[in-house]
Amino acid sequence: MSGLTLHDYELDDACYKVRLLLGALGLNYAKVAVDVHPGREQLSLKYRRLNPLGSLPILVDGEVLLHGAEAILAYLAQAHDPNKAWLPREPTTFGTVMMWLGFAGGELRCASLARMHHMLEVDADAAALDRRSRQAFRVMDDHMTQRELDGEKWFAAAHPTIADIALFPAIALSRDFGIDHDEYPALRRWMRHVRAIPGFVTMPGIPSYH
C-alpha cells in the first residue's frame, strides 16, 4: 500500500483529475467520500482544518497534506513516478506542462462552474460561462490541431503528461452542460488517446468514443 488517501467527491471534475493520475500510475489509495451535495461537508470545521479554502480534492500522503488538483498532480508525478515521464524534467517540456496546468486551473474553471450550475443548480451566469468555456475549448482544439500537423498527439510532449490529465475532464464532461464535441474534432481524437492510457478510469458523463 502507498499510504495515500484522497478526500473525494465522485462528481467533481477536479477530484477526477487526481483519480485519473492515480490510476495511470497504478497506485493503491484509500478514498474518503465527502458529502459535497447536498451536505456541503467540505465546508465543515473538520475539512477546513485540512483545507481552509473549503474545496476538494485533498490528498494525504504520510505527513504530506495537499489541496488543489494541479498541485496534487505535480506532487504525484514527482513523488510516485520513477520514470519522471508524467512531469518531464527537460526545461521546455516542463514549462509547457506547467503552462497547461495553469490553463486547466484557470481558464477551464468556467467549464467546471457551468457543469455544476447545470447539474447541481450552483448559482452562476450560465450564458457567460458557456461562452467562456467554448472559447477555452477552441484554444485547446486549435493547439491540438497544430500538434497533429506536427505529428504529435499529446498536449505537451511525445507521450502523455499531467497536462493531458489536467485538461481532459473539463472537455470530456462538457456535454453535461450542452457542449457538442463534434465542434472540436482534434479534441475528440485526443480524448480517444487519453481513454487508451493504461490504468484509465472513468466517471459518469465521460463519453466512450470507441
N, C-alpha and C. Protein backbone atom coordinates (compact mmCIF):
# COMPACT_ATOMS: atom_id res chain seq x y z
N MET A 1 0.84 -1.21 0.00
CA MET A 1 0.00 0.00 0.00
C MET A 1 0.87 1.26 0.00
N SER A 2 0.41 2.28 -0.70
CA SER A 2 1.18 3.51 -0.81
C SER A 2 0.98 4.45 0.36
N GLY A 3 -0.10 4.25 1.15
CA GLY A 3 -0.39 5.16 2.23
C GLY A 3 -1.09 6.43 1.78
N LEU A 4 -1.54 6.46 0.56
CA LEU A 4 -2.22 7.64 0.01
C LEU A 4 -3.70 7.63 0.40
N THR A 5 -4.22 8.81 0.73
CA THR A 5 -5.65 8.96 0.99
C THR A 5 -6.15 10.16 0.19
N LEU A 6 -7.21 9.95 -0.57
CA LEU A 6 -7.83 11.01 -1.36
C LEU A 6 -9.21 11.30 -0.80
N HIS A 7 -9.41 12.55 -0.38
CA HIS A 7 -10.74 13.01 0.03
C HIS A 7 -11.43 13.50 -1.24
N ASP A 8 -12.55 12.86 -1.58
CA ASP A 8 -13.03 12.85 -2.95
C ASP A 8 -14.54 13.04 -3.01
N TYR A 9 -14.98 13.68 -4.09
CA TYR A 9 -16.40 13.72 -4.44
C TYR A 9 -16.52 13.18 -5.86
N GLU A 10 -17.30 12.14 -6.03
CA GLU A 10 -17.32 11.37 -7.28
C GLU A 10 -17.65 12.22 -8.50
N LEU A 11 -18.50 13.23 -8.35
CA LEU A 11 -18.94 14.01 -9.50
C LEU A 11 -18.11 15.26 -9.74
N ASP A 12 -17.09 15.49 -8.93
CA ASP A 12 -16.25 16.67 -9.07
C ASP A 12 -15.15 16.43 -10.09
N ASP A 13 -15.05 17.30 -11.09
CA ASP A 13 -14.06 17.07 -12.14
C ASP A 13 -12.63 17.25 -11.64
N ALA A 14 -12.43 18.10 -10.63
CA ALA A 14 -11.09 18.27 -10.09
C ALA A 14 -10.63 17.01 -9.36
N CYS A 15 -11.54 16.39 -8.61
CA CYS A 15 -11.21 15.12 -7.96
C CYS A 15 -10.92 14.05 -9.01
N TYR A 16 -11.67 14.10 -10.10
CA TYR A 16 -11.47 13.11 -11.16
C TYR A 16 -10.08 13.20 -11.77
N LYS A 17 -9.54 14.41 -11.88
CA LYS A 17 -8.17 14.54 -12.38
C LYS A 17 -7.20 13.71 -11.55
N VAL A 18 -7.35 13.79 -10.24
CA VAL A 18 -6.45 13.06 -9.35
C VAL A 18 -6.67 11.56 -9.47
N ARG A 19 -7.93 11.14 -9.54
CA ARG A 19 -8.21 9.70 -9.73
C ARG A 19 -7.61 9.20 -11.04
N LEU A 20 -7.67 10.02 -12.08
CA LEU A 20 -7.08 9.64 -13.36
C LEU A 20 -5.59 9.35 -13.23
N LEU A 21 -4.86 10.26 -12.59
CA LEU A 21 -3.42 10.06 -12.48
C LEU A 21 -3.09 8.92 -11.53
N LEU A 22 -3.82 8.78 -10.44
CA LEU A 22 -3.59 7.65 -9.54
C LEU A 22 -3.77 6.33 -10.30
N GLY A 23 -4.78 6.27 -11.18
CA GLY A 23 -4.98 5.07 -11.99
C GLY A 23 -3.85 4.85 -12.97
N ALA A 24 -3.42 5.91 -13.64
CA ALA A 24 -2.35 5.79 -14.62
C ALA A 24 -1.03 5.38 -13.97
N LEU A 25 -0.82 5.82 -12.74
CA LEU A 25 0.40 5.46 -12.01
C LEU A 25 0.29 4.09 -11.34
N GLY A 26 -0.91 3.52 -11.35
CA GLY A 26 -1.11 2.22 -10.74
C GLY A 26 -0.96 2.23 -9.23
N LEU A 27 -1.33 3.34 -8.60
CA LEU A 27 -1.14 3.48 -7.16
C LEU A 27 -2.38 3.02 -6.39
N ASN A 28 -2.15 2.31 -5.31
CA ASN A 28 -3.21 1.97 -4.38
C ASN A 28 -3.45 3.18 -3.48
N TYR A 29 -4.70 3.44 -3.18
CA TYR A 29 -5.01 4.56 -2.30
C TYR A 29 -6.36 4.34 -1.64
N ALA A 30 -6.53 4.98 -0.50
CA ALA A 30 -7.83 4.98 0.18
C ALA A 30 -8.62 6.20 -0.29
N LYS A 31 -9.90 5.98 -0.52
CA LYS A 31 -10.75 7.07 -0.98
C LYS A 31 -11.79 7.37 0.09
N VAL A 32 -11.83 8.61 0.53
CA VAL A 32 -12.81 9.06 1.52
C VAL A 32 -13.85 9.90 0.80
N ALA A 33 -15.08 9.40 0.76
CA ALA A 33 -16.15 10.12 0.08
C ALA A 33 -16.61 11.29 0.94
N VAL A 34 -16.67 12.47 0.35
CA VAL A 34 -17.09 13.69 1.04
C VAL A 34 -18.48 14.07 0.54
N ASP A 35 -19.37 14.36 1.46
CA ASP A 35 -20.75 14.71 1.12
C ASP A 35 -20.81 16.18 0.69
N VAL A 36 -20.49 16.42 -0.57
CA VAL A 36 -20.48 17.78 -1.11
C VAL A 36 -21.90 18.26 -1.39
N HIS A 37 -22.69 17.40 -2.00
CA HIS A 37 -24.07 17.76 -2.33
C HIS A 37 -25.01 16.65 -1.90
N PRO A 38 -25.92 16.95 -0.99
CA PRO A 38 -26.29 18.29 -0.51
C PRO A 38 -25.59 18.72 0.79
N GLY A 39 -24.73 17.86 1.35
CA GLY A 39 -24.25 18.07 2.70
C GLY A 39 -23.24 19.19 2.91
N ARG A 40 -22.53 19.58 1.82
CA ARG A 40 -21.50 20.64 1.89
C ARG A 40 -20.47 20.35 3.00
N GLU A 41 -20.14 19.06 3.10
CA GLU A 41 -19.22 18.64 4.16
C GLU A 41 -17.84 19.25 4.01
N GLN A 42 -17.46 19.59 2.78
CA GLN A 42 -16.14 20.18 2.55
C GLN A 42 -15.98 21.53 3.24
N LEU A 43 -17.08 22.15 3.64
CA LEU A 43 -17.04 23.43 4.33
C LEU A 43 -17.10 23.29 5.85
N SER A 44 -17.14 22.05 6.33
CA SER A 44 -17.21 21.82 7.77
C SER A 44 -15.88 22.16 8.44
N LEU A 45 -15.93 22.31 9.76
CA LEU A 45 -14.71 22.61 10.51
C LEU A 45 -13.66 21.53 10.31
N LYS A 46 -14.11 20.29 10.28
CA LYS A 46 -13.19 19.16 10.06
C LYS A 46 -12.41 19.35 8.76
N TYR A 47 -13.10 19.71 7.68
CA TYR A 47 -12.42 19.84 6.39
C TYR A 47 -11.72 21.18 6.24
N ARG A 48 -12.20 22.20 6.93
CA ARG A 48 -11.47 23.48 6.91
C ARG A 48 -10.09 23.32 7.54
N ARG A 49 -9.96 22.39 8.47
CA ARG A 49 -8.64 22.14 9.07
C ARG A 49 -7.70 21.53 8.04
N LEU A 50 -8.24 20.75 7.12
CA LEU A 50 -7.42 20.15 6.07
C LEU A 50 -7.18 21.13 4.92
N ASN A 51 -8.19 21.91 4.61
CA ASN A 51 -8.08 22.89 3.53
C ASN A 51 -8.92 24.10 3.88
N PRO A 52 -8.29 25.19 4.29
CA PRO A 52 -9.04 26.40 4.68
C PRO A 52 -9.92 26.95 3.57
N LEU A 53 -9.64 26.59 2.32
CA LEU A 53 -10.44 27.09 1.20
C LEU A 53 -11.78 26.38 1.08
N GLY A 54 -11.92 25.25 1.77
CA GLY A 54 -13.19 24.54 1.72
C GLY A 54 -13.48 23.90 0.39
N SER A 55 -12.45 23.39 -0.27
CA SER A 55 -12.63 22.78 -1.59
C SER A 55 -11.93 21.42 -1.65
N LEU A 56 -12.29 20.65 -2.65
CA LEU A 56 -11.69 19.35 -2.93
C LEU A 56 -10.99 19.43 -4.29
N PRO A 57 -10.07 18.50 -4.56
CA PRO A 57 -9.64 17.35 -3.78
C PRO A 57 -8.63 17.72 -2.70
N ILE A 58 -8.49 16.79 -1.74
CA ILE A 58 -7.46 16.87 -0.72
C ILE A 58 -6.73 15.54 -0.71
N LEU A 59 -5.41 15.59 -0.75
CA LEU A 59 -4.60 14.39 -0.75
C LEU A 59 -3.72 14.35 0.51
N VAL A 60 -3.69 13.20 1.15
CA VAL A 60 -2.80 12.97 2.27
C VAL A 60 -1.86 11.83 1.88
N ASP A 61 -0.56 12.07 2.03
CA ASP A 61 0.45 11.05 1.74
C ASP A 61 1.45 11.08 2.88
N GLY A 62 1.19 10.25 3.89
CA GLY A 62 2.03 10.31 5.08
C GLY A 62 1.89 11.64 5.77
N GLU A 63 2.99 12.37 5.87
CA GLU A 63 2.98 13.69 6.50
C GLU A 63 2.63 14.80 5.52
N VAL A 64 2.48 14.46 4.27
CA VAL A 64 2.18 15.46 3.23
C VAL A 64 0.68 15.67 3.13
N LEU A 65 0.24 16.92 3.18
CA LEU A 65 -1.16 17.28 3.03
C LEU A 65 -1.26 18.34 1.94
N LEU A 66 -2.01 18.04 0.88
CA LEU A 66 -2.11 18.95 -0.26
C LEU A 66 -3.56 19.11 -0.68
N HIS A 67 -3.90 20.30 -1.16
CA HIS A 67 -5.18 20.52 -1.81
C HIS A 67 -4.94 21.27 -3.11
N GLY A 68 -5.93 21.18 -4.00
CA GLY A 68 -5.79 21.77 -5.33
C GLY A 68 -5.33 20.72 -6.32
N ALA A 69 -6.15 20.45 -7.33
CA ALA A 69 -5.88 19.33 -8.23
C ALA A 69 -4.53 19.44 -8.93
N GLU A 70 -4.21 20.62 -9.45
CA GLU A 70 -2.97 20.74 -10.22
C GLU A 70 -1.73 20.55 -9.34
N ALA A 71 -1.77 21.07 -8.13
CA ALA A 71 -0.66 20.87 -7.20
C ALA A 71 -0.52 19.39 -6.86
N ILE A 72 -1.63 18.72 -6.66
CA ILE A 72 -1.60 17.28 -6.34
C ILE A 72 -1.04 16.49 -7.51
N LEU A 73 -1.46 16.83 -8.73
CA LEU A 73 -0.93 16.12 -9.91
C LEU A 73 0.59 16.27 -9.99
N ALA A 74 1.08 17.49 -9.78
CA ALA A 74 2.52 17.72 -9.86
C ALA A 74 3.24 16.94 -8.76
N TYR A 75 2.69 16.93 -7.57
CA TYR A 75 3.30 16.19 -6.47
C TYR A 75 3.36 14.69 -6.78
N LEU A 76 2.24 14.13 -7.21
CA LEU A 76 2.21 12.69 -7.50
C LEU A 76 3.21 12.33 -8.60
N ALA A 77 3.30 13.20 -9.62
CA ALA A 77 4.24 12.93 -10.71
C ALA A 77 5.68 12.95 -10.22
N GLN A 78 5.98 13.84 -9.29
CA GLN A 78 7.34 13.91 -8.75
C GLN A 78 7.63 12.81 -7.75
N ALA A 79 6.66 12.50 -6.91
CA ALA A 79 6.89 11.58 -5.79
C ALA A 79 6.68 10.12 -6.14
N HIS A 80 5.83 9.84 -7.13
CA HIS A 80 5.40 8.46 -7.35
C HIS A 80 5.57 7.97 -8.78
N ASP A 81 6.25 8.72 -9.62
CA ASP A 81 6.54 8.27 -10.99
C ASP A 81 8.05 8.11 -11.13
N PRO A 82 8.57 6.90 -10.97
CA PRO A 82 10.02 6.72 -11.01
C PRO A 82 10.64 7.09 -12.35
N ASN A 83 9.86 7.03 -13.42
CA ASN A 83 10.39 7.37 -14.74
C ASN A 83 10.34 8.87 -15.04
N LYS A 84 9.68 9.65 -14.19
CA LYS A 84 9.56 11.10 -14.37
C LYS A 84 9.01 11.45 -15.76
N ALA A 85 8.10 10.62 -16.24
CA ALA A 85 7.50 10.87 -17.55
C ALA A 85 6.29 11.79 -17.48
N TRP A 86 5.53 11.69 -16.40
CA TRP A 86 4.31 12.48 -16.31
C TRP A 86 4.58 13.96 -16.09
N LEU A 87 5.73 14.29 -15.49
CA LEU A 87 6.16 15.68 -15.38
C LEU A 87 7.63 15.72 -15.77
N PRO A 88 7.90 15.81 -17.08
CA PRO A 88 9.28 15.71 -17.56
C PRO A 88 10.16 16.82 -17.01
N ARG A 89 11.43 16.50 -16.82
CA ARG A 89 12.37 17.46 -16.26
C ARG A 89 12.99 18.37 -17.30
N GLU A 90 12.97 17.97 -18.57
CA GLU A 90 13.54 18.82 -19.63
C GLU A 90 12.84 20.18 -19.58
N PRO A 91 13.60 21.28 -19.51
CA PRO A 91 13.02 22.58 -19.17
C PRO A 91 11.87 23.03 -20.08
N THR A 92 12.03 22.89 -21.40
CA THR A 92 10.98 23.37 -22.29
C THR A 92 9.70 22.58 -22.10
N THR A 93 9.82 21.26 -22.02
CA THR A 93 8.64 20.43 -21.83
C THR A 93 8.03 20.68 -20.46
N PHE A 94 8.88 20.80 -19.44
CA PHE A 94 8.38 21.11 -18.10
C PHE A 94 7.58 22.41 -18.11
N GLY A 95 8.13 23.44 -18.74
CA GLY A 95 7.44 24.72 -18.81
C GLY A 95 6.11 24.63 -19.55
N THR A 96 6.08 23.85 -20.63
CA THR A 96 4.85 23.68 -21.40
C THR A 96 3.79 22.95 -20.57
N VAL A 97 4.21 21.91 -19.86
CA VAL A 97 3.27 21.21 -18.99
C VAL A 97 2.70 22.16 -17.94
N MET A 98 3.57 22.94 -17.32
CA MET A 98 3.10 23.86 -16.28
C MET A 98 2.19 24.93 -16.85
N MET A 99 2.45 25.36 -18.08
CA MET A 99 1.58 26.33 -18.73
C MET A 99 0.16 25.79 -18.86
N TRP A 100 0.05 24.54 -19.30
CA TRP A 100 -1.27 23.94 -19.47
C TRP A 100 -1.91 23.60 -18.13
N LEU A 101 -1.11 23.31 -17.12
CA LEU A 101 -1.68 23.13 -15.78
C LEU A 101 -2.33 24.44 -15.32
N GLY A 102 -1.66 25.55 -15.58
CA GLY A 102 -2.24 26.84 -15.23
C GLY A 102 -3.53 27.10 -15.99
N PHE A 103 -3.57 26.72 -17.25
CA PHE A 103 -4.78 26.86 -18.06
C PHE A 103 -5.91 26.02 -17.49
N ALA A 104 -5.57 24.78 -17.10
CA ALA A 104 -6.58 23.87 -16.56
C ALA A 104 -7.18 24.41 -15.27
N GLY A 105 -6.34 25.00 -14.42
CA GLY A 105 -6.82 25.53 -13.16
C GLY A 105 -7.37 26.94 -13.25
N GLY A 106 -7.19 27.60 -14.39
CA GLY A 106 -7.64 28.97 -14.57
C GLY A 106 -8.74 29.09 -15.60
N GLU A 107 -8.37 29.15 -16.87
CA GLU A 107 -9.35 29.36 -17.94
C GLU A 107 -10.44 28.30 -17.97
N LEU A 108 -10.09 27.06 -17.61
CA LEU A 108 -11.08 25.98 -17.69
C LEU A 108 -12.00 25.93 -16.48
N ARG A 109 -11.75 26.77 -15.49
CA ARG A 109 -12.63 26.78 -14.31
C ARG A 109 -14.06 27.11 -14.70
N CYS A 110 -14.23 27.90 -15.75
CA CYS A 110 -15.58 28.26 -16.18
C CYS A 110 -16.38 27.03 -16.61
N ALA A 111 -15.72 26.06 -17.23
CA ALA A 111 -16.41 24.84 -17.64
C ALA A 111 -16.88 24.03 -16.44
N SER A 112 -16.06 23.99 -15.40
CA SER A 112 -16.46 23.29 -14.17
C SER A 112 -17.68 23.96 -13.55
N LEU A 113 -17.67 25.29 -13.51
CA LEU A 113 -18.80 26.02 -12.93
C LEU A 113 -20.06 25.86 -13.79
N ALA A 114 -19.89 25.86 -15.11
CA ALA A 114 -21.05 25.67 -15.99
C ALA A 114 -21.70 24.32 -15.75
N ARG A 115 -20.87 23.31 -15.58
CA ARG A 115 -21.39 21.95 -15.34
C ARG A 115 -22.09 21.89 -13.98
N MET A 116 -21.48 22.47 -12.94
CA MET A 116 -22.09 22.44 -11.62
C MET A 116 -23.41 23.24 -11.60
N HIS A 117 -23.45 24.32 -12.38
CA HIS A 117 -24.70 25.09 -12.48
C HIS A 117 -25.80 24.23 -13.11
N HIS A 118 -25.45 23.51 -14.15
CA HIS A 118 -26.43 22.70 -14.86
C HIS A 118 -26.87 21.50 -14.01
N MET A 119 -25.93 20.85 -13.33
CA MET A 119 -26.24 19.60 -12.61
C MET A 119 -26.77 19.84 -11.21
N LEU A 120 -26.16 20.80 -10.50
CA LEU A 120 -26.47 20.98 -9.08
C LEU A 120 -27.06 22.36 -8.77
N GLU A 121 -27.39 23.11 -9.83
CA GLU A 121 -28.01 24.42 -9.69
C GLU A 121 -27.16 25.40 -8.86
N VAL A 122 -25.84 25.27 -9.00
CA VAL A 122 -24.94 26.24 -8.39
C VAL A 122 -25.19 27.60 -9.05
N ASP A 123 -25.28 28.66 -8.26
CA ASP A 123 -25.60 29.99 -8.77
C ASP A 123 -24.49 30.48 -9.71
N ALA A 124 -24.86 30.85 -10.93
CA ALA A 124 -23.86 31.29 -11.91
C ALA A 124 -24.56 31.92 -13.11
N ASP A 125 -23.80 32.69 -13.87
CA ASP A 125 -24.27 33.25 -15.14
C ASP A 125 -24.02 32.21 -16.22
N ALA A 126 -25.03 31.41 -16.52
CA ALA A 126 -24.87 30.26 -17.40
C ALA A 126 -24.41 30.68 -18.80
N ALA A 127 -24.98 31.75 -19.33
CA ALA A 127 -24.63 32.17 -20.69
C ALA A 127 -23.16 32.60 -20.76
N ALA A 128 -22.70 33.35 -19.77
CA ALA A 128 -21.31 33.80 -19.76
C ALA A 128 -20.36 32.62 -19.61
N LEU A 129 -20.71 31.67 -18.75
CA LEU A 129 -19.85 30.51 -18.55
C LEU A 129 -19.79 29.65 -19.81
N ASP A 130 -20.92 29.50 -20.49
CA ASP A 130 -20.94 28.74 -21.73
C ASP A 130 -20.04 29.39 -22.78
N ARG A 131 -20.13 30.70 -22.91
CA ARG A 131 -19.31 31.43 -23.89
C ARG A 131 -17.82 31.27 -23.57
N ARG A 132 -17.46 31.46 -22.32
CA ARG A 132 -16.05 31.36 -21.93
C ARG A 132 -15.53 29.93 -22.06
N SER A 133 -16.38 28.95 -21.78
CA SER A 133 -15.97 27.56 -21.94
C SER A 133 -15.67 27.25 -23.40
N ARG A 134 -16.55 27.70 -24.28
CA ARG A 134 -16.33 27.46 -25.71
C ARG A 134 -15.05 28.14 -26.20
N GLN A 135 -14.77 29.31 -25.69
CA GLN A 135 -13.53 30.00 -26.06
C GLN A 135 -12.31 29.20 -25.61
N ALA A 136 -12.37 28.67 -24.39
CA ALA A 136 -11.25 27.88 -23.87
C ALA A 136 -11.08 26.59 -24.67
N PHE A 137 -12.19 25.94 -24.99
CA PHE A 137 -12.10 24.70 -25.77
C PHE A 137 -11.57 24.98 -27.18
N ARG A 138 -11.90 26.15 -27.72
CA ARG A 138 -11.38 26.49 -29.05
C ARG A 138 -9.87 26.66 -29.00
N VAL A 139 -9.35 27.28 -27.95
CA VAL A 139 -7.90 27.39 -27.78
C VAL A 139 -7.27 26.00 -27.74
N MET A 140 -7.88 25.09 -26.98
CA MET A 140 -7.35 23.73 -26.88
C MET A 140 -7.42 23.00 -28.22
N ASP A 141 -8.54 23.13 -28.91
CA ASP A 141 -8.69 22.43 -30.19
C ASP A 141 -7.70 22.96 -31.23
N ASP A 142 -7.51 24.27 -31.25
CA ASP A 142 -6.53 24.84 -32.19
C ASP A 142 -5.12 24.32 -31.88
N HIS A 143 -4.81 24.23 -30.59
CA HIS A 143 -3.49 23.73 -30.21
C HIS A 143 -3.31 22.29 -30.67
N MET A 144 -4.31 21.44 -30.42
CA MET A 144 -4.17 20.04 -30.79
C MET A 144 -4.22 19.84 -32.31
N THR A 145 -4.91 20.72 -33.01
CA THR A 145 -4.87 20.66 -34.47
C THR A 145 -3.45 20.88 -34.97
N GLN A 146 -2.77 21.88 -34.42
CA GLN A 146 -1.39 22.14 -34.80
C GLN A 146 -0.48 21.00 -34.36
N ARG A 147 -0.73 20.45 -33.18
CA ARG A 147 0.09 19.32 -32.71
C ARG A 147 -0.04 18.14 -33.67
N GLU A 148 -1.24 17.88 -34.14
CA GLU A 148 -1.44 16.79 -35.09
C GLU A 148 -0.70 17.05 -36.39
N LEU A 149 -0.71 18.29 -36.86
CA LEU A 149 0.03 18.63 -38.07
C LEU A 149 1.53 18.41 -37.88
N ASP A 150 1.99 18.52 -36.64
CA ASP A 150 3.39 18.28 -36.32
C ASP A 150 3.68 16.82 -36.00
N GLY A 151 2.67 15.97 -36.15
CA GLY A 151 2.85 14.54 -35.92
C GLY A 151 2.76 14.13 -34.47
N GLU A 152 2.18 14.98 -33.64
CA GLU A 152 2.07 14.68 -32.20
C GLU A 152 0.61 14.46 -31.82
N LYS A 153 0.39 13.76 -30.71
CA LYS A 153 -0.99 13.50 -30.29
C LYS A 153 -1.26 13.86 -28.83
N TRP A 154 -0.27 14.45 -28.16
CA TRP A 154 -0.45 14.87 -26.77
C TRP A 154 -0.19 16.37 -26.65
N PHE A 155 -0.68 16.97 -25.58
CA PHE A 155 -0.65 18.43 -25.44
C PHE A 155 0.76 19.00 -25.32
N ALA A 156 1.65 18.30 -24.60
CA ALA A 156 2.91 18.96 -24.23
C ALA A 156 4.16 18.15 -24.55
N ALA A 157 4.02 16.88 -24.87
CA ALA A 157 5.19 16.03 -25.08
C ALA A 157 4.85 14.95 -26.09
N ALA A 158 5.81 14.08 -26.36
CA ALA A 158 5.57 12.97 -27.28
C ALA A 158 4.85 11.81 -26.59
N HIS A 159 4.49 12.00 -25.35
CA HIS A 159 3.78 10.99 -24.55
C HIS A 159 2.86 11.74 -23.60
N PRO A 160 1.93 11.06 -22.97
CA PRO A 160 1.02 11.75 -22.06
C PRO A 160 1.75 12.32 -20.84
N THR A 161 1.30 13.47 -20.39
CA THR A 161 1.83 14.11 -19.20
C THR A 161 0.65 14.54 -18.32
N ILE A 162 0.97 15.13 -17.18
CA ILE A 162 -0.11 15.60 -16.32
C ILE A 162 -0.87 16.77 -16.96
N ALA A 163 -0.32 17.38 -18.00
CA ALA A 163 -1.09 18.38 -18.74
C ALA A 163 -2.33 17.74 -19.35
N ASP A 164 -2.17 16.59 -19.98
CA ASP A 164 -3.30 15.88 -20.57
C ASP A 164 -4.31 15.47 -19.51
N ILE A 165 -3.82 15.00 -18.37
CA ILE A 165 -4.69 14.58 -17.28
C ILE A 165 -5.49 15.78 -16.76
N ALA A 166 -4.83 16.93 -16.58
CA ALA A 166 -5.49 18.10 -16.03
C ALA A 166 -6.53 18.69 -16.97
N LEU A 167 -6.28 18.59 -18.28
CA LEU A 167 -7.17 19.20 -19.27
C LEU A 167 -8.36 18.33 -19.63
N PHE A 168 -8.23 17.02 -19.49
CA PHE A 168 -9.22 16.08 -20.00
C PHE A 168 -10.62 16.26 -19.40
N PRO A 169 -10.79 16.32 -18.07
CA PRO A 169 -12.15 16.30 -17.53
C PRO A 169 -13.05 17.42 -18.00
N ALA A 170 -12.54 18.63 -18.11
CA ALA A 170 -13.40 19.78 -18.45
C ALA A 170 -14.09 19.58 -19.80
N ILE A 171 -13.34 19.18 -20.83
CA ILE A 171 -13.95 18.98 -22.14
C ILE A 171 -14.71 17.66 -22.18
N ALA A 172 -14.19 16.62 -21.57
CA ALA A 172 -14.85 15.32 -21.62
C ALA A 172 -16.22 15.35 -20.96
N LEU A 173 -16.36 16.15 -19.91
CA LEU A 173 -17.63 16.23 -19.18
C LEU A 173 -18.53 17.36 -19.66
N SER A 174 -18.12 18.08 -20.66
CA SER A 174 -18.84 19.30 -21.05
C SER A 174 -20.17 19.02 -21.73
N ARG A 175 -20.40 17.81 -22.18
CA ARG A 175 -21.74 17.51 -22.71
C ARG A 175 -22.80 17.61 -21.63
N ASP A 176 -22.37 17.54 -20.35
CA ASP A 176 -23.31 17.70 -19.25
C ASP A 176 -23.97 19.07 -19.25
N PHE A 177 -23.32 20.06 -19.88
CA PHE A 177 -23.97 21.38 -19.98
C PHE A 177 -24.14 21.82 -21.43
N GLY A 178 -24.25 20.84 -22.33
CA GLY A 178 -24.72 21.12 -23.68
C GLY A 178 -23.69 21.40 -24.74
N ILE A 179 -22.41 21.08 -24.49
CA ILE A 179 -21.37 21.28 -25.49
C ILE A 179 -21.35 20.09 -26.45
N ASP A 180 -21.40 20.35 -27.75
CA ASP A 180 -21.31 19.31 -28.77
C ASP A 180 -19.85 19.08 -29.11
N HIS A 181 -19.35 17.90 -28.82
CA HIS A 181 -17.94 17.61 -29.05
C HIS A 181 -17.57 17.56 -30.52
N ASP A 182 -18.55 17.43 -31.39
CA ASP A 182 -18.24 17.45 -32.82
C ASP A 182 -17.67 18.80 -33.25
N GLU A 183 -17.87 19.84 -32.44
CA GLU A 183 -17.33 21.16 -32.76
C GLU A 183 -15.81 21.21 -32.56
N TYR A 184 -15.26 20.19 -31.89
CA TYR A 184 -13.84 20.19 -31.54
C TYR A 184 -13.21 18.86 -31.96
N PRO A 185 -13.04 18.66 -33.27
CA PRO A 185 -12.61 17.35 -33.77
C PRO A 185 -11.23 16.93 -33.27
N ALA A 186 -10.30 17.86 -33.15
CA ALA A 186 -8.97 17.49 -32.67
C ALA A 186 -9.04 17.03 -31.22
N LEU A 187 -9.90 17.66 -30.44
CA LEU A 187 -10.05 17.25 -29.04
C LEU A 187 -10.75 15.89 -28.94
N ARG A 188 -11.69 15.61 -29.83
CA ARG A 188 -12.31 14.28 -29.85
C ARG A 188 -11.25 13.21 -30.07
N ARG A 189 -10.37 13.44 -31.03
CA ARG A 189 -9.32 12.43 -31.30
C ARG A 189 -8.38 12.30 -30.11
N TRP A 190 -8.02 13.45 -29.52
CA TRP A 190 -7.16 13.43 -28.34
C TRP A 190 -7.82 12.69 -27.18
N MET A 191 -9.11 12.90 -26.98
CA MET A 191 -9.81 12.22 -25.89
C MET A 191 -9.79 10.71 -26.07
N ARG A 192 -9.84 10.24 -27.30
CA ARG A 192 -9.71 8.79 -27.53
C ARG A 192 -8.35 8.30 -27.04
N HIS A 193 -7.30 9.06 -27.31
CA HIS A 193 -5.96 8.67 -26.85
C HIS A 193 -5.89 8.65 -25.32
N VAL A 194 -6.51 9.64 -24.68
CA VAL A 194 -6.49 9.67 -23.22
C VAL A 194 -7.20 8.45 -22.66
N ARG A 195 -8.33 8.09 -23.26
CA ARG A 195 -9.06 6.92 -22.78
C ARG A 195 -8.26 5.63 -22.91
N ALA A 196 -7.30 5.61 -23.82
CA ALA A 196 -6.49 4.42 -24.04
C ALA A 196 -5.26 4.34 -23.13
N ILE A 197 -5.04 5.35 -22.29
CA ILE A 197 -3.90 5.31 -21.36
C ILE A 197 -4.08 4.13 -20.41
N PRO A 198 -3.08 3.28 -20.23
CA PRO A 198 -3.22 2.18 -19.28
C PRO A 198 -3.57 2.70 -17.88
N GLY A 199 -4.53 2.04 -17.26
CA GLY A 199 -4.97 2.47 -15.94
C GLY A 199 -6.05 3.52 -15.95
N PHE A 200 -6.53 3.91 -17.16
CA PHE A 200 -7.57 4.91 -17.27
C PHE A 200 -8.79 4.52 -16.44
N VAL A 201 -9.35 5.49 -15.73
CA VAL A 201 -10.60 5.29 -15.00
C VAL A 201 -11.62 6.28 -15.52
N THR A 202 -12.88 5.89 -15.48
CA THR A 202 -13.93 6.75 -16.00
C THR A 202 -14.79 7.27 -14.85
N MET A 203 -15.78 8.05 -15.19
CA MET A 203 -16.76 8.53 -14.23
C MET A 203 -18.04 8.85 -14.98
N PRO A 204 -19.17 9.02 -14.31
CA PRO A 204 -20.40 9.34 -15.01
C PRO A 204 -20.25 10.59 -15.86
N GLY A 205 -20.69 10.49 -17.13
CA GLY A 205 -20.63 11.63 -18.05
C GLY A 205 -19.48 11.59 -19.03
N ILE A 206 -18.52 10.67 -18.83
CA ILE A 206 -17.38 10.59 -19.75
C ILE A 206 -17.78 9.79 -20.98
N PRO A 207 -17.67 10.35 -22.18
CA PRO A 207 -18.07 9.62 -23.40
C PRO A 207 -17.08 8.50 -23.72
N SER A 208 -17.58 7.50 -24.43
CA SER A 208 -16.73 6.34 -24.74
C SER A 208 -15.85 6.59 -25.96
N TYR A 209 -16.40 7.17 -27.03
CA TYR A 209 -15.63 7.44 -28.26
C TYR A 209 -14.89 6.21 -28.76
N HIS A 210 -15.59 5.11 -28.88
CA HIS A 210 -14.93 3.90 -29.41
C HIS A 210 -14.57 4.09 -30.87
